[in-house]
Amino acid sequence: MFQTPTKASSVPRSRSAEAAADNSAKMDLGSNTELAAITVSARIPEFWAEMPRLWFAQMESIMAPQKQGDENKFNLVISKLGRDALQQFPLGELVTQMHKLNLEVASLREEVKVQQHRRSAFRGRGSRSASRQRSQSRPARNQGDPNWLCRFHFRYRNRAWSYSVPPSPKSRKNSVPASPKSAKSSVPSTPKSPKSSASTPTEGRSWFTWS
């Protein structure tokens, strides 16, 4: 008897069809990439031992529009180098060239350091000479200025006035009393005369009276 397919049997068939379509698409992509790699490798010529830089430049121009990774590029280069270039590579010459290059770089660094040291020393000498010239060009304070004495007086007049003018009685009362030792040492011992006892100190006069 004929049996109609159910829903359960139709679902696996649809899934298998989708998987087959995905596999076919992947196969197509893989085949396309392989074909692209084959065409690119066919366009790249064999390695030119006499003109290696020109060969690498031509290879870069061919590989630039192709979106391939570094691994594919490396494999293509290895496939085009050949046996002679891989086995008989001039390693000794490369080592000597690298050694010469390192020596040149070291010498250049030393020259740059020496130039920087000379520039810094020259700048220091220039600044010192300029400061010396300025100090020599400046006139002395006591020379060339007729009012230097007045300026000196205005600058130090407060100290001179405090030392020269005697204090008033009010300032004596308000001042702190000194110790007996300092009072004895500071005040001179002078004999009292009748005139000096009768006289009283006033502002603007000296402490000592003439007999």
N, C-alpha and C. Protein backbone atom coordinates (compact mmCIF):
# COMPACT_ATOMS: atom_id res chain seq x y z
N MET A 1 0.85 -1.19 0.00
CA MET A 1 0.00 0.00 0.00
C MET A 1 0.88 1.24 0.00
N PHE A 2 0.40 2.28 -0.62
CA PHE A 2 1.18 3.52 -0.74
C PHE A 2 0.97 4.36 0.50
N GLN A 3 2.09 4.86 1.12
CA GLN A 3 2.03 5.68 2.33
C GLN A 3 2.45 7.10 1.99
N THR A 4 1.70 8.05 2.47
CA THR A 4 2.01 9.47 2.25
C THR A 4 3.10 9.90 3.19
N PRO A 5 4.09 10.76 2.75
CA PRO A 5 5.17 11.22 3.66
C PRO A 5 4.62 12.16 4.72
N THR A 6 5.09 12.00 5.88
CA THR A 6 4.67 12.85 7.00
C THR A 6 5.61 14.05 7.11
N LYS A 7 5.31 14.93 8.08
CA LYS A 7 6.13 16.12 8.31
C LYS A 7 7.51 15.75 8.85
N ALA A 8 7.58 14.72 9.68
CA ALA A 8 8.85 14.32 10.28
C ALA A 8 9.84 13.85 9.23
N SER A 9 9.36 13.19 8.19
CA SER A 9 10.25 12.71 7.14
C SER A 9 10.66 13.80 6.17
N SER A 10 9.85 14.86 6.04
CA SER A 10 10.17 15.96 5.13
C SER A 10 11.24 16.89 5.68
N VAL A 11 11.33 17.03 7.00
CA VAL A 11 12.29 17.95 7.62
C VAL A 11 13.73 17.50 7.39
N PRO A 12 14.08 16.22 7.59
CA PRO A 12 15.47 15.83 7.33
C PRO A 12 15.86 15.98 5.88
N ARG A 13 14.92 15.77 4.96
CA ARG A 13 15.24 15.93 3.55
C ARG A 13 15.60 17.38 3.23
N SER A 14 14.86 18.34 3.81
CA SER A 14 15.17 19.75 3.58
C SER A 14 16.53 20.13 4.16
N ARG A 15 16.86 19.60 5.34
CA ARG A 15 18.15 19.89 5.96
C ARG A 15 19.30 19.33 5.12
N SER A 16 19.11 18.13 4.61
CA SER A 16 20.16 17.54 3.78
C SER A 16 20.36 18.32 2.49
N ALA A 17 19.27 18.87 1.95
CA ALA A 17 19.38 19.68 0.74
C ALA A 17 20.16 20.96 1.01
N GLU A 18 19.90 21.60 2.18
CA GLU A 18 20.63 22.82 2.54
C GLU A 18 22.11 22.53 2.75
N ALA A 19 22.41 21.41 3.40
CA ALA A 19 23.82 21.06 3.62
C ALA A 19 24.53 20.80 2.30
N ALA A 20 23.85 20.15 1.38
CA ALA A 20 24.46 19.90 0.08
C ALA A 20 24.72 21.20 -0.67
N ALA A 21 23.78 22.15 -0.55
CA ALA A 21 23.98 23.44 -1.21
C ALA A 21 25.16 24.19 -0.61
N ASP A 22 25.29 24.13 0.73
CA ASP A 22 26.43 24.80 1.39
C ASP A 22 27.75 24.17 0.96
N ASN A 23 27.77 22.86 0.89
CA ASN A 23 29.01 22.18 0.48
C ASN A 23 29.39 22.53 -0.96
N SER A 24 28.37 22.61 -1.80
CA SER A 24 28.67 22.97 -3.19
C SER A 24 29.19 24.39 -3.30
N ALA A 25 28.62 25.31 -2.46
CA ALA A 25 29.10 26.69 -2.48
C ALA A 25 30.53 26.78 -1.99
N LYS A 26 30.84 26.01 -0.93
CA LYS A 26 32.21 26.00 -0.42
C LYS A 26 33.18 25.43 -1.46
N MET A 27 32.74 24.39 -2.14
CA MET A 27 33.60 23.83 -3.18
C MET A 27 33.84 24.82 -4.30
N ASP A 28 32.78 25.57 -4.63
CA ASP A 28 32.95 26.58 -5.67
C ASP A 28 33.93 27.66 -5.25
N LEU A 29 33.81 28.11 -3.96
CA LEU A 29 34.73 29.14 -3.47
C LEU A 29 36.16 28.62 -3.44
N GLY A 30 36.32 27.38 -2.96
CA GLY A 30 37.65 26.81 -2.93
C GLY A 30 38.25 26.67 -4.31
N SER A 31 37.43 26.23 -5.24
CA SER A 31 37.93 26.11 -6.61
C SER A 31 38.27 27.46 -7.20
N ASN A 32 37.45 28.47 -6.86
CA ASN A 32 37.74 29.82 -7.37
C ASN A 32 39.06 30.35 -6.81
N THR A 33 39.28 30.16 -5.51
CA THR A 33 40.54 30.62 -4.91
C THR A 33 41.74 29.87 -5.49
N GLU A 34 41.57 28.58 -5.70
CA GLU A 34 42.66 27.81 -6.29
C GLU A 34 42.96 28.28 -7.71
N LEU A 35 41.90 28.55 -8.46
CA LEU A 35 42.10 29.05 -9.82
C LEU A 35 42.79 30.42 -9.81
N ALA A 36 42.38 31.28 -8.84
CA ALA A 36 43.01 32.60 -8.75
C ALA A 36 44.48 32.48 -8.39
N ALA A 37 44.80 31.56 -7.46
CA ALA A 37 46.20 31.36 -7.09
C ALA A 37 47.00 30.83 -8.27
N ILE A 38 46.40 29.93 -9.03
CA ILE A 38 47.11 29.37 -10.19
C ILE A 38 47.37 30.45 -11.24
N THR A 39 46.37 31.29 -11.47
CA THR A 39 46.56 32.36 -12.46
C THR A 39 47.61 33.36 -12.00
N VAL A 40 47.62 33.67 -10.69
CA VAL A 40 48.61 34.62 -10.17
C VAL A 40 50.00 34.04 -10.26
N SER A 41 50.16 32.77 -9.88
CA SER A 41 51.48 32.14 -9.97
C SER A 41 51.97 32.02 -11.40
N ALA A 42 51.02 31.88 -12.34
CA ALA A 42 51.41 31.83 -13.76
C ALA A 42 51.88 33.19 -14.25
N ARG A 43 51.31 34.24 -13.69
CA ARG A 43 51.72 35.58 -14.11
C ARG A 43 53.09 35.97 -13.55
N ILE A 44 53.46 35.41 -12.40
CA ILE A 44 54.75 35.76 -11.79
C ILE A 44 55.86 35.01 -12.52
N PRO A 45 56.88 35.69 -12.99
CA PRO A 45 57.98 34.99 -13.69
C PRO A 45 58.91 34.30 -12.70
N GLU A 46 59.83 33.54 -13.24
CA GLU A 46 60.84 32.91 -12.39
C GLU A 46 61.79 33.97 -11.82
N PHE A 47 62.45 33.56 -10.74
CA PHE A 47 63.31 34.51 -10.03
C PHE A 47 64.49 34.91 -10.90
N TRP A 48 64.74 36.23 -10.90
CA TRP A 48 65.87 36.76 -11.67
C TRP A 48 67.05 36.97 -10.71
N ALA A 49 68.02 36.12 -10.79
CA ALA A 49 69.17 36.21 -9.89
C ALA A 49 70.00 37.46 -10.15
N GLU A 50 70.02 37.91 -11.39
CA GLU A 50 70.82 39.09 -11.71
C GLU A 50 70.14 40.39 -11.27
N MET A 51 68.81 40.41 -11.26
CA MET A 51 68.06 41.62 -10.88
C MET A 51 66.99 41.26 -9.84
N PRO A 52 67.41 40.98 -8.61
CA PRO A 52 66.43 40.54 -7.60
C PRO A 52 65.46 41.64 -7.19
N ARG A 53 65.93 42.88 -7.10
CA ARG A 53 65.04 43.96 -6.68
C ARG A 53 63.95 44.21 -7.71
N LEU A 54 64.32 44.16 -8.97
CA LEU A 54 63.33 44.35 -10.03
C LEU A 54 62.30 43.23 -10.02
N TRP A 55 62.74 42.01 -9.73
CA TRP A 55 61.80 40.89 -9.67
C TRP A 55 60.81 41.07 -8.53
N PHE A 56 61.29 41.47 -7.35
CA PHE A 56 60.38 41.68 -6.22
C PHE A 56 59.43 42.85 -6.48
N ALA A 57 59.90 43.87 -7.18
CA ALA A 57 59.01 44.99 -7.52
C ALA A 57 57.90 44.53 -8.47
N GLN A 58 58.25 43.70 -9.44
CA GLN A 58 57.23 43.19 -10.36
C GLN A 58 56.25 42.28 -9.63
N MET A 59 56.75 41.49 -8.70
CA MET A 59 55.86 40.61 -7.94
C MET A 59 54.89 41.42 -7.09
N GLU A 60 55.37 42.49 -6.46
CA GLU A 60 54.48 43.33 -5.66
C GLU A 60 53.41 43.97 -6.53
N SER A 61 53.77 44.40 -7.72
CA SER A 61 52.76 44.98 -8.61
C SER A 61 51.72 43.96 -9.04
N ILE A 62 52.11 42.70 -9.17
CA ILE A 62 51.14 41.65 -9.54
C ILE A 62 50.27 41.27 -8.35
N MET A 63 50.85 41.23 -7.14
CA MET A 63 50.11 40.78 -5.96
C MET A 63 49.30 41.89 -5.30
N ALA A 64 49.51 43.13 -5.68
CA ALA A 64 48.79 44.23 -5.02
C ALA A 64 47.28 44.14 -5.19
N PRO A 65 46.74 43.94 -6.41
CA PRO A 65 45.27 43.86 -6.53
C PRO A 65 44.68 42.58 -5.97
N GLN A 66 45.50 41.55 -5.79
CA GLN A 66 45.00 40.28 -5.26
C GLN A 66 44.94 40.36 -3.73
N LYS A 67 43.77 40.03 -3.18
CA LYS A 67 43.58 40.06 -1.73
C LYS A 67 43.97 38.70 -1.15
N GLN A 68 45.25 38.52 -0.94
CA GLN A 68 45.77 37.29 -0.39
C GLN A 68 46.62 37.60 0.84
N GLY A 69 46.72 36.60 1.70
CA GLY A 69 47.46 36.79 2.94
C GLY A 69 48.95 36.69 2.75
N ASP A 70 49.66 36.94 3.84
CA ASP A 70 51.12 36.89 3.79
C ASP A 70 51.63 35.46 3.57
N GLU A 71 50.89 34.50 4.10
CA GLU A 71 51.34 33.11 3.93
C GLU A 71 51.29 32.70 2.46
N ASN A 72 50.23 33.08 1.76
CA ASN A 72 50.15 32.75 0.33
C ASN A 72 51.25 33.45 -0.47
N LYS A 73 51.53 34.70 -0.12
CA LYS A 73 52.60 35.42 -0.81
C LYS A 73 53.95 34.74 -0.57
N PHE A 74 54.18 34.33 0.68
CA PHE A 74 55.45 33.67 0.99
C PHE A 74 55.60 32.37 0.21
N ASN A 75 54.53 31.60 0.13
CA ASN A 75 54.58 30.34 -0.62
C ASN A 75 54.85 30.59 -2.10
N LEU A 76 54.23 31.63 -2.65
CA LEU A 76 54.47 31.94 -4.06
C LEU A 76 55.92 32.35 -4.31
N VAL A 77 56.48 33.13 -3.38
CA VAL A 77 57.89 33.55 -3.53
C VAL A 77 58.81 32.34 -3.46
N ILE A 78 58.56 31.43 -2.51
CA ILE A 78 59.40 30.24 -2.37
C ILE A 78 59.30 29.36 -3.61
N SER A 79 58.09 29.29 -4.16
CA SER A 79 57.93 28.45 -5.37
C SER A 79 58.64 29.03 -6.58
N LYS A 80 58.84 30.35 -6.60
CA LYS A 80 59.48 30.98 -7.76
C LYS A 80 60.98 31.19 -7.59
N LEU A 81 61.52 31.00 -6.39
CA LEU A 81 62.94 31.26 -6.19
C LEU A 81 63.81 30.25 -6.91
N GLY A 82 63.46 28.99 -6.80
CA GLY A 82 64.29 27.98 -7.46
C GLY A 82 65.31 27.36 -6.52
N ARG A 83 65.91 26.28 -7.00
CA ARG A 83 66.85 25.54 -6.16
C ARG A 83 68.14 26.31 -5.94
N ASP A 84 68.65 26.95 -6.94
CA ASP A 84 69.93 27.65 -6.81
C ASP A 84 69.85 28.78 -5.78
N ALA A 85 68.78 29.54 -5.82
CA ALA A 85 68.64 30.66 -4.89
C ALA A 85 68.43 30.20 -3.46
N LEU A 86 67.79 29.03 -3.28
CA LEU A 86 67.53 28.54 -1.93
C LEU A 86 68.74 27.84 -1.33
N GLN A 87 69.47 27.08 -2.11
CA GLN A 87 70.61 26.32 -1.59
C GLN A 87 71.90 27.12 -1.57
N GLN A 88 72.13 27.95 -2.55
CA GLN A 88 73.38 28.70 -2.65
C GLN A 88 73.15 30.18 -2.31
N PHE A 89 72.50 30.40 -1.21
CA PHE A 89 72.26 31.79 -0.80
C PHE A 89 73.54 32.36 -0.21
N PRO A 90 73.96 33.56 -0.63
CA PRO A 90 75.23 34.14 -0.12
C PRO A 90 75.08 34.66 1.31
N LEU A 91 75.11 33.72 2.26
CA LEU A 91 74.93 34.11 3.66
C LEU A 91 76.13 34.89 4.20
N GLY A 92 77.34 34.53 3.76
CA GLY A 92 78.53 35.24 4.24
C GLY A 92 78.52 36.70 3.83
N GLU A 93 78.14 36.97 2.60
CA GLU A 93 78.07 38.36 2.14
C GLU A 93 77.02 39.15 2.92
N LEU A 94 75.89 38.50 3.21
CA LEU A 94 74.86 39.19 3.98
C LEU A 94 75.35 39.54 5.38
N VAL A 95 76.09 38.62 6.00
CA VAL A 95 76.61 38.89 7.34
C VAL A 95 77.60 40.04 7.32
N THR A 96 78.47 40.06 6.32
CA THR A 96 79.44 41.15 6.23
C THR A 96 78.76 42.50 5.97
N GLN A 97 77.73 42.49 5.14
CA GLN A 97 76.99 43.73 4.88
C GLN A 97 76.29 44.23 6.14
N MET A 98 75.69 43.32 6.90
CA MET A 98 75.04 43.72 8.15
C MET A 98 76.06 44.25 9.15
N HIS A 99 77.24 43.63 9.20
CA HIS A 99 78.29 44.11 10.11
C HIS A 99 78.74 45.52 9.72
N LYS A 100 78.94 45.75 8.43
CA LYS A 100 79.32 47.08 7.97
C LYS A 100 78.23 48.11 8.29
N LEU A 101 76.98 47.70 8.09
CA LEU A 101 75.88 48.62 8.39
C LEU A 101 75.82 48.97 9.87
N ASN A 102 76.04 47.98 10.74
CA ASN A 102 76.06 48.25 12.18
C ASN A 102 77.20 49.19 12.56
N LEU A 103 78.37 48.99 11.94
CA LEU A 103 79.50 49.88 12.22
C LEU A 103 79.20 51.31 11.78
N GLU A 104 78.58 51.46 10.62
CA GLU A 104 78.23 52.80 10.14
C GLU A 104 77.23 53.47 11.07
N VAL A 105 76.23 52.72 11.51
CA VAL A 105 75.23 53.28 12.43
C VAL A 105 75.88 53.70 13.74
N ALA A 106 76.80 52.87 14.27
CA ALA A 106 77.48 53.22 15.52
C ALA A 106 78.33 54.48 15.36
N SER A 107 79.03 54.59 14.23
CA SER A 107 79.84 55.80 14.00
C SER A 107 78.96 57.04 13.86
N LEU A 108 77.82 56.89 13.20
CA LEU A 108 76.91 58.03 13.08
C LEU A 108 76.38 58.46 14.44
N ARG A 109 76.06 57.51 15.29
CA ARG A 109 75.59 57.84 16.64
C ARG A 109 76.66 58.58 17.43
N GLU A 110 77.90 58.12 17.33
CA GLU A 110 78.99 58.81 18.04
C GLU A 110 79.17 60.24 17.53
N GLU A 111 79.08 60.42 16.22
CA GLU A 111 79.20 61.77 15.66
C GLU A 111 78.07 62.67 16.14
N VAL A 112 76.87 62.13 16.20
CA VAL A 112 75.73 62.94 16.68
C VAL A 112 75.93 63.33 18.13
N LYS A 113 76.41 62.39 18.96
CA LYS A 113 76.66 62.71 20.37
C LYS A 113 77.73 63.79 20.51
N VAL A 114 78.79 63.68 19.72
CA VAL A 114 79.87 64.69 19.78
C VAL A 114 79.34 66.06 19.38
N GLN A 115 78.54 66.12 18.33
CA GLN A 115 77.97 67.40 17.89
C GLN A 115 77.05 67.99 18.95
N GLN A 116 76.23 67.15 19.58
CA GLN A 116 75.36 67.65 20.64
C GLN A 116 76.17 68.18 21.81
N HIS A 117 77.26 67.48 22.17
CA HIS A 117 78.11 67.96 23.26
C HIS A 117 78.76 69.29 22.92
N ARG A 118 79.22 69.43 21.69
CA ARG A 118 79.83 70.69 21.27
C ARG A 118 78.82 71.83 21.29
N ARG A 119 77.60 71.56 20.83
CA ARG A 119 76.57 72.60 20.82
C ARG A 119 76.23 73.04 22.23
N SER A 120 76.10 72.06 23.15
CA SER A 120 75.79 72.42 24.53
C SER A 120 76.92 73.23 25.16
N ALA A 121 78.18 72.83 24.88
CA ALA A 121 79.31 73.58 25.42
C ALA A 121 79.37 74.98 24.83
N PHE A 122 79.11 75.11 23.55
CA PHE A 122 79.13 76.43 22.92
C PHE A 122 78.03 77.32 23.48
N ARG A 123 76.85 76.74 23.72
CA ARG A 123 75.77 77.54 24.30
C ARG A 123 76.14 78.01 25.70
N GLY A 124 76.77 77.12 26.49
CA GLY A 124 77.17 77.53 27.83
C GLY A 124 78.20 78.63 27.81
N ARG A 125 79.18 78.53 26.92
CA ARG A 125 80.19 79.59 26.80
C ARG A 125 79.57 80.89 26.35
N GLY A 126 78.64 80.82 25.42
CA GLY A 126 77.99 82.04 24.95
C GLY A 126 77.20 82.73 26.04
N SER A 127 76.51 81.94 26.87
CA SER A 127 75.74 82.55 27.95
C SER A 127 76.67 83.18 28.98
N ARG A 128 77.79 82.50 29.29
CA ARG A 128 78.72 83.07 30.27
C ARG A 128 79.35 84.36 29.75
N SER A 129 79.77 84.35 28.49
CA SER A 129 80.38 85.56 27.94
C SER A 129 79.39 86.70 27.88
N ALA A 130 78.12 86.39 27.55
CA ALA A 130 77.11 87.45 27.51
C ALA A 130 76.88 88.03 28.90
N SER A 131 76.83 87.16 29.93
CA SER A 131 76.64 87.67 31.28
C SER A 131 77.82 88.51 31.73
N ARG A 132 79.04 88.10 31.34
CA ARG A 132 80.21 88.91 31.69
C ARG A 132 80.18 90.26 31.00
N GLN A 133 79.81 90.28 29.74
CA GLN A 133 79.73 91.55 29.03
C GLN A 133 78.69 92.47 29.66
N ARG A 134 77.56 91.90 30.06
CA ARG A 134 76.54 92.72 30.71
C ARG A 134 77.03 93.30 32.02
N SER A 135 77.72 92.44 32.81
CA SER A 135 78.22 92.94 34.09
C SER A 135 79.28 94.02 33.89
N GLN A 136 80.10 93.86 32.85
CA GLN A 136 81.11 94.88 32.58
C GLN A 136 80.51 96.16 32.02
N SER A 137 79.45 96.02 31.23
CA SER A 137 78.83 97.21 30.64
C SER A 137 78.02 98.01 31.65
N ARG A 138 77.57 97.36 32.74
CA ARG A 138 76.81 98.09 33.75
C ARG A 138 77.73 99.05 34.51
N PRO A 139 77.32 100.28 34.73
CA PRO A 139 78.15 101.20 35.52
C PRO A 139 78.06 100.87 37.00
N ALA A 140 79.08 101.24 37.73
CA ALA A 140 79.07 101.01 39.17
C ALA A 140 78.02 101.87 39.83
N ARG A 141 77.57 101.43 41.02
CA ARG A 141 76.51 102.16 41.72
C ARG A 141 76.98 103.54 42.18
N ASN A 142 78.24 103.64 42.57
CA ASN A 142 78.75 104.90 43.09
C ASN A 142 79.34 105.79 42.01
N GLN A 143 79.30 105.33 40.75
CA GLN A 143 79.89 106.11 39.68
C GLN A 143 78.83 106.42 38.63
N GLY A 144 78.91 107.62 38.11
CA GLY A 144 78.00 108.00 37.05
C GLY A 144 76.63 108.44 37.51
N ASP A 145 76.32 108.37 38.81
CA ASP A 145 75.01 108.78 39.33
C ASP A 145 75.25 109.81 40.42
N PRO A 146 74.93 111.09 40.19
CA PRO A 146 75.21 112.11 41.22
C PRO A 146 74.31 111.99 42.44
N ASN A 147 73.17 111.32 42.33
CA ASN A 147 72.23 111.23 43.45
C ASN A 147 72.32 109.90 44.19
N TRP A 148 73.44 109.22 44.08
CA TRP A 148 73.53 107.93 44.75
C TRP A 148 73.53 108.07 46.26
N LEU A 149 74.10 109.19 46.76
CA LEU A 149 74.12 109.41 48.21
C LEU A 149 72.71 109.63 48.74
N CYS A 150 71.89 110.37 47.99
CA CYS A 150 70.50 110.59 48.41
C CYS A 150 69.72 109.28 48.43
N ARG A 151 69.96 108.47 47.42
CA ARG A 151 69.27 107.19 47.38
C ARG A 151 69.70 106.30 48.54
N PHE A 152 70.98 106.32 48.85
CA PHE A 152 71.47 105.55 49.99
C PHE A 152 70.82 106.04 51.28
N HIS A 153 70.68 107.35 51.40
CA HIS A 153 70.07 107.92 52.60
C HIS A 153 68.59 107.52 52.71
N PHE A 154 67.86 107.62 51.61
CA PHE A 154 66.44 107.25 51.64
C PHE A 154 66.25 105.77 51.90
N ARG A 155 67.22 104.98 51.52
CA ARG A 155 67.09 103.54 51.72
C ARG A 155 67.34 103.15 53.17
N TYR A 156 68.33 103.80 53.80
CA TYR A 156 68.71 103.42 55.15
C TYR A 156 68.39 104.50 56.18
N ARG A 157 67.51 105.43 55.86
CA ARG A 157 67.26 106.53 56.80
C ARG A 157 66.50 106.06 58.04
N ASN A 158 65.63 105.07 57.90
CA ASN A 158 64.87 104.61 59.07
C ASN A 158 65.79 104.03 60.13
N ARG A 159 66.76 103.22 59.69
CA ARG A 159 67.70 102.66 60.65
C ARG A 159 68.58 103.76 61.27
N ALA A 160 69.05 104.66 60.43
CA ALA A 160 69.90 105.74 60.96
C ALA A 160 69.12 106.62 61.93
N TRP A 161 67.85 106.89 61.62
CA TRP A 161 67.04 107.74 62.50
C TRP A 161 66.77 107.05 63.83
N SER A 162 66.53 105.75 63.81
CA SER A 162 66.26 105.02 65.06
C SER A 162 67.50 104.96 65.93
N TYR A 163 68.69 104.93 65.33
CA TYR A 163 69.90 104.89 66.12
C TYR A 163 70.32 106.26 66.63
N SER A 164 70.00 107.32 65.90
CA SER A 164 70.48 108.65 66.27
C SER A 164 69.54 109.37 67.23
N VAL A 165 68.21 109.23 67.05
CA VAL A 165 67.25 109.97 67.88
C VAL A 165 67.03 109.21 69.17
N PRO A 166 67.12 109.88 70.36
CA PRO A 166 66.88 109.18 71.62
C PRO A 166 65.39 108.92 71.82
N PRO A 167 65.02 107.89 72.55
CA PRO A 167 63.60 107.59 72.77
C PRO A 167 62.97 108.60 73.71
N SER A 168 61.66 108.75 73.61
CA SER A 168 60.90 109.67 74.46
C SER A 168 60.54 108.99 75.77
N PRO A 169 60.09 109.77 76.79
CA PRO A 169 59.70 109.15 78.07
C PRO A 169 58.56 108.17 77.92
N LYS A 170 57.60 108.47 77.03
CA LYS A 170 56.48 107.55 76.84
C LYS A 170 56.95 106.21 76.29
N SER A 171 57.87 106.27 75.34
CA SER A 171 58.37 105.01 74.79
C SER A 171 59.18 104.24 75.82
N ARG A 172 59.84 104.95 76.75
CA ARG A 172 60.56 104.26 77.82
C ARG A 172 59.61 103.51 78.74
N LYS A 173 58.48 104.18 79.07
CA LYS A 173 57.52 103.52 79.96
C LYS A 173 56.88 102.31 79.29
N ASN A 174 56.58 102.43 78.01
CA ASN A 174 55.93 101.33 77.30
C ASN A 174 56.90 100.20 76.96
N SER A 175 58.18 100.49 76.99
CA SER A 175 59.15 99.46 76.62
C SER A 175 59.29 98.44 77.73
N VAL A 176 59.77 97.26 77.38
CA VAL A 176 59.95 96.18 78.35
C VAL A 176 61.18 96.47 79.17
N PRO A 177 61.11 96.32 80.51
CA PRO A 177 62.31 96.59 81.32
C PRO A 177 63.39 95.56 81.07
N ALA A 178 64.59 96.03 80.99
CA ALA A 178 65.73 95.15 80.72
C ALA A 178 66.17 94.47 82.00
N SER A 179 66.94 93.43 81.85
CA SER A 179 67.45 92.71 83.01
C SER A 179 68.49 93.57 83.73
N PRO A 180 68.73 93.33 85.02
CA PRO A 180 69.71 94.17 85.75
C PRO A 180 71.12 94.07 85.20
N LYS A 181 71.48 92.90 84.72
CA LYS A 181 72.84 92.77 84.18
C LYS A 181 73.00 93.61 82.93
N SER A 182 72.00 93.53 82.04
CA SER A 182 72.11 94.32 80.81
C SER A 182 72.00 95.80 81.10
N ALA A 183 71.19 96.17 82.11
CA ALA A 183 71.07 97.58 82.45
C ALA A 183 72.38 98.13 83.00
N LYS A 184 73.03 97.33 83.85
CA LYS A 184 74.30 97.79 84.39
C LYS A 184 75.36 97.92 83.30
N SER A 185 75.34 96.96 82.39
CA SER A 185 76.37 97.00 81.35
C SER A 185 76.11 98.09 80.33
N SER A 186 74.80 98.39 80.07
CA SER A 186 74.48 99.37 79.03
C SER A 186 74.57 100.81 79.55
N VAL A 187 74.09 101.07 80.77
CA VAL A 187 74.07 102.44 81.29
C VAL A 187 75.43 102.76 81.89
N PRO A 188 76.10 103.82 81.46
CA PRO A 188 77.41 104.16 82.04
C PRO A 188 77.24 104.82 83.41
N SER A 189 78.22 104.57 84.25
CA SER A 189 78.20 105.16 85.60
C SER A 189 78.83 106.54 85.53
N THR A 190 77.99 107.59 85.72
CA THR A 190 78.47 108.97 85.70
C THR A 190 78.08 109.65 87.00
N PRO A 191 78.91 110.51 87.52
CA PRO A 191 78.55 111.21 88.77
C PRO A 191 77.42 112.20 88.54
N LYS A 192 76.52 112.24 89.49
CA LYS A 192 75.37 113.13 89.39
C LYS A 192 75.77 114.53 89.86
N SER A 193 75.39 115.50 89.11
CA SER A 193 75.62 116.90 89.48
C SER A 193 74.28 117.53 89.86
N PRO A 194 74.30 118.62 90.64
CA PRO A 194 73.02 119.25 91.03
C PRO A 194 72.22 119.74 89.83
N LYS A 195 72.90 120.21 88.81
CA LYS A 195 72.18 120.71 87.64
C LYS A 195 71.53 119.56 86.88
N SER A 196 72.25 118.44 86.76
CA SER A 196 71.69 117.31 86.00
C SER A 196 70.52 116.70 86.73
N SER A 197 70.50 116.70 88.10
CA SER A 197 69.37 116.15 88.84
C SER A 197 68.15 117.02 88.69
N ALA A 198 68.34 118.33 88.63
CA ALA A 198 67.18 119.22 88.50
C ALA A 198 66.60 119.19 87.11
N SER A 199 67.43 118.98 86.12
CA SER A 199 66.93 119.01 84.73
C SER A 199 66.21 117.71 84.42
N THR A 200 65.22 117.80 83.58
CA THR A 200 64.43 116.63 83.15
C THR A 200 64.63 116.44 81.65
N PRO A 201 64.69 115.19 81.18
CA PRO A 201 64.87 114.98 79.73
C PRO A 201 63.62 115.33 78.96
N THR A 202 63.82 115.94 77.85
CA THR A 202 62.72 116.31 76.96
C THR A 202 62.98 115.71 75.60
N GLU A 203 61.93 115.75 74.76
CA GLU A 203 62.06 115.21 73.42
C GLU A 203 62.95 116.10 72.58
N GLY A 204 63.76 115.48 71.77
CA GLY A 204 64.63 116.21 70.86
C GLY A 204 65.96 116.57 71.46
N ARG A 205 66.14 116.40 72.80
CA ARG A 205 67.41 116.71 73.44
C ARG A 205 68.13 115.43 73.77
N SER A 206 69.42 115.54 73.97
CA SER A 206 70.21 114.36 74.32
C SER A 206 70.05 114.04 75.79
N TRP A 207 70.44 112.83 76.13
CA TRP A 207 70.31 112.41 77.52
C TRP A 207 71.31 113.10 78.45
N PHE A 208 72.42 113.45 77.93
CA PHE A 208 73.47 114.05 78.77
C PHE A 208 73.43 115.56 78.63
N THR A 209 73.59 116.26 79.75
CA THR A 209 73.59 117.73 79.78
C THR A 209 75.00 118.21 80.03
N TRP A 210 75.27 119.31 79.42
CA TRP A 210 76.59 119.90 79.60
C TRP A 210 76.63 120.66 80.92
N SER A 211 77.69 120.48 81.64
CA SER A 211 77.86 121.17 82.93
C SER A 211 78.41 122.56 82.71
